[in-house]
Amino acid sequence: RDLLEASLALTEQHFGSGHPEVAGRQNNLALVYQDLGDYARAKALFKQALSVWLKTLGEGHPYVATARRHLEALGGAD
């Protein structure tokens, strides 16, 4: 978790918060939080990743579908 948090911070600093690489780090960190049982934090990160991927990659991209599946597993994107 600590290494992924550091990686996310550096990637965001380098590319900016709206970059698909940042969304990838958010998604990976969310998976860790999900495994640790911190579902609220995982859900928030999945939502952030989904938002970035939708804006940058578009609705039809597999990463968007992946983020939607993760959110659904946590109870949706409400």
C-alpha atoms as a PDB file:
ATOM      1  CA  ARG A   1       0.000   0.000   0.000  1.00  0.00           C
ATOM      2  CA  ASP A   2       2.715   2.441   0.955  1.00  0.00           C
ATOM      3  CA  LEU A   3       4.627   1.899  -2.280  1.00  0.00           C
ATOM      4  CA  LEU A   4       1.483   2.325  -4.378  1.00  0.00           C
ATOM      5  CA  GLU A   5       0.584   5.519  -2.529  1.00  0.00           C
ATOM      6  CA  ALA A   6       4.068   6.868  -3.232  1.00  0.00           C
ATOM      7  CA  SER A   7       3.830   5.798  -6.862  1.00  0.00           C
ATOM      8  CA  LEU A   8       0.455   7.513  -7.222  1.00  0.00           C
ATOM      9  CA  ALA A   9       1.794  10.735  -5.714  1.00  0.00           C
ATOM     10  CA  LEU A  10       4.826  10.783  -8.014  1.00  0.00           C
ATOM     11  CA  THR A  11       2.816   9.910 -11.101  1.00  0.00           C
ATOM     12  CA  GLU A  12       0.271  12.616 -10.321  1.00  0.00           C
ATOM     13  CA  GLN A  13       3.055  15.130  -9.745  1.00  0.00           C
ATOM     14  CA  HIS A  14       4.713  14.230 -13.037  1.00  0.00           C
ATOM     15  CA  PHE A  15       1.665  13.846 -15.324  1.00  0.00           C
ATOM     16  CA  GLY A  16      -1.129  15.736 -13.564  1.00  0.00           C
ATOM     17  CA  SER A  17      -4.296  14.377 -12.003  1.00  0.00           C
ATOM     18  CA  GLY A  18      -6.176  13.894 -15.282  1.00  0.00           C
ATOM     19  CA  HIS A  19      -3.710  11.505 -16.912  1.00  0.00           C
ATOM     20  CA  PRO A  20      -4.557   7.851 -17.634  1.00  0.00           C
ATOM     21  CA  GLU A  21      -1.355   6.701 -15.898  1.00  0.00           C
ATOM     22  CA  VAL A  22      -2.610   8.337 -12.710  1.00  0.00           C
ATOM     23  CA  ALA A  23      -5.927   6.528 -13.108  1.00  0.00           C
ATOM     24  CA  GLY A  24      -4.059   3.256 -13.432  1.00  0.00           C
ATOM     25  CA  ARG A  25      -2.255   3.890 -10.154  1.00  0.00           C
ATOM     26  CA  GLN A  26      -5.550   4.854  -8.514  1.00  0.00           C
ATOM     27  CA  ASN A  27      -7.129   1.630  -9.743  1.00  0.00           C
ATOM     28  CA  ASN A  28      -4.245  -0.494  -8.439  1.00  0.00           C
ATOM     29  CA  LEU A  29      -4.260   1.232  -5.071  1.00  0.00           C
ATOM     30  CA  ALA A  30      -8.035   0.799  -4.874  1.00  0.00           C
ATOM     31  CA  LEU A  31      -7.603  -2.939  -5.344  1.00  0.00           C
ATOM     32  CA  VAL A  32      -5.227  -3.006  -2.387  1.00  0.00           C
ATOM     33  CA  TYR A  33      -7.646  -1.036  -0.217  1.00  0.00           C
ATOM     34  CA  GLN A  34     -10.418  -3.409  -1.259  1.00  0.00           C
ATOM     35  CA  ASP A  35      -8.287  -6.383  -0.214  1.00  0.00           C
ATOM     36  CA  LEU A  36      -7.585  -4.653   3.107  1.00  0.00           C
ATOM     37  CA  GLY A  37     -11.307  -4.141   3.702  1.00  0.00           C
ATOM     38  CA  ASP A  38     -11.250  -0.345   3.322  1.00  0.00           C
ATOM     39  CA  TYR A  39     -14.158  -0.306   0.893  1.00  0.00           C
ATOM     40  CA  ALA A  40     -14.920   3.405   1.160  1.00  0.00           C
ATOM     41  CA  ARG A  41     -11.405   4.374   0.147  1.00  0.00           C
ATOM     42  CA  ALA A  42     -11.360   1.739  -2.595  1.00  0.00           C
ATOM     43  CA  LYS A  43     -14.665   2.992  -3.986  1.00  0.00           C
ATOM     44  CA  ALA A  44     -13.475   6.601  -4.024  1.00  0.00           C
ATOM     45  CA  LEU A  45     -10.311   5.654  -5.933  1.00  0.00           C
ATOM     46  CA  PHE A  46     -12.233   3.497  -8.416  1.00  0.00           C
ATOM     47  CA  LYS A  47     -14.553   6.451  -9.069  1.00  0.00           C
ATOM     48  CA  GLN A  48     -11.602   8.760  -9.663  1.00  0.00           C
ATOM     49  CA  ALA A  49      -9.983   6.288 -12.039  1.00  0.00           C
ATOM     50  CA  LEU A  50     -13.250   5.786 -13.913  1.00  0.00           C
ATOM     51  CA  SER A  51     -13.717   9.522 -14.331  1.00  0.00           C
ATOM     52  CA  VAL A  52     -10.227  10.007 -15.762  1.00  0.00           C
ATOM     53  CA  TRP A  53     -10.480   7.011 -18.068  1.00  0.00           C
ATOM     54  CA  LEU A  54     -13.851   8.126 -19.383  1.00  0.00           C
ATOM     55  CA  LYS A  55     -12.471  11.580 -20.198  1.00  0.00           C
ATOM     56  CA  THR A  56      -9.222  10.395 -21.723  1.00  0.00           C
ATOM     57  CA  LEU A  57      -9.922   6.964 -23.197  1.00  0.00           C
ATOM     58  CA  GLY A  58     -13.657   6.990 -23.867  1.00  0.00           C
ATOM     59  CA  GLU A  59     -16.615   4.809 -23.021  1.00  0.00           C
ATOM     60  CA  GLY A  60     -15.551   1.838 -25.138  1.00  0.00           C
ATOM     61  CA  HIS A  61     -12.141   1.312 -23.564  1.00  0.00           C
ATOM     62  CA  PRO A  62     -11.584  -1.888 -21.556  1.00  0.00           C
ATOM     63  CA  TYR A  63     -10.202   0.076 -18.589  1.00  0.00           C
ATOM     64  CA  VAL A  64     -13.553   1.856 -18.280  1.00  0.00           C
ATOM     65  CA  ALA A  65     -15.341  -1.494 -18.200  1.00  0.00           C
ATOM     66  CA  THR A  66     -12.890  -2.745 -15.581  1.00  0.00           C
ATOM     67  CA  ALA A  67     -13.459   0.260 -13.329  1.00  0.00           C
ATOM     68  CA  ARG A  68     -17.233  -0.132 -13.671  1.00  0.00           C
ATOM     69  CA  ARG A  69     -16.977  -3.816 -12.672  1.00  0.00           C
ATOM     70  CA  HIS A  70     -14.912  -2.934  -9.620  1.00  0.00           C
ATOM     71  CA  LEU A  71     -17.418  -0.281  -8.574  1.00  0.00           C
ATOM     72  CA  GLU A  72     -20.331  -2.635  -9.075  1.00  0.00           C
ATOM     73  CA  ALA A  73     -18.631  -5.203  -6.843  1.00  0.00           C
ATOM     74  CA  LEU A  74     -18.500  -2.521  -4.127  1.00  0.00           C
ATOM     75  CA  GLY A  75     -22.136  -1.570  -4.494  1.00  0.00           C
ATOM     76  CA  GLY A  76     -22.167   0.757  -7.481  1.00  0.00           C
ATOM     77  CA  ALA A  77     -21.088   4.269  -8.272  1.00  0.00           C
ATOM     78  CA  ASP A  78     -23.722   6.094  -6.224  1.00  0.00           C
END
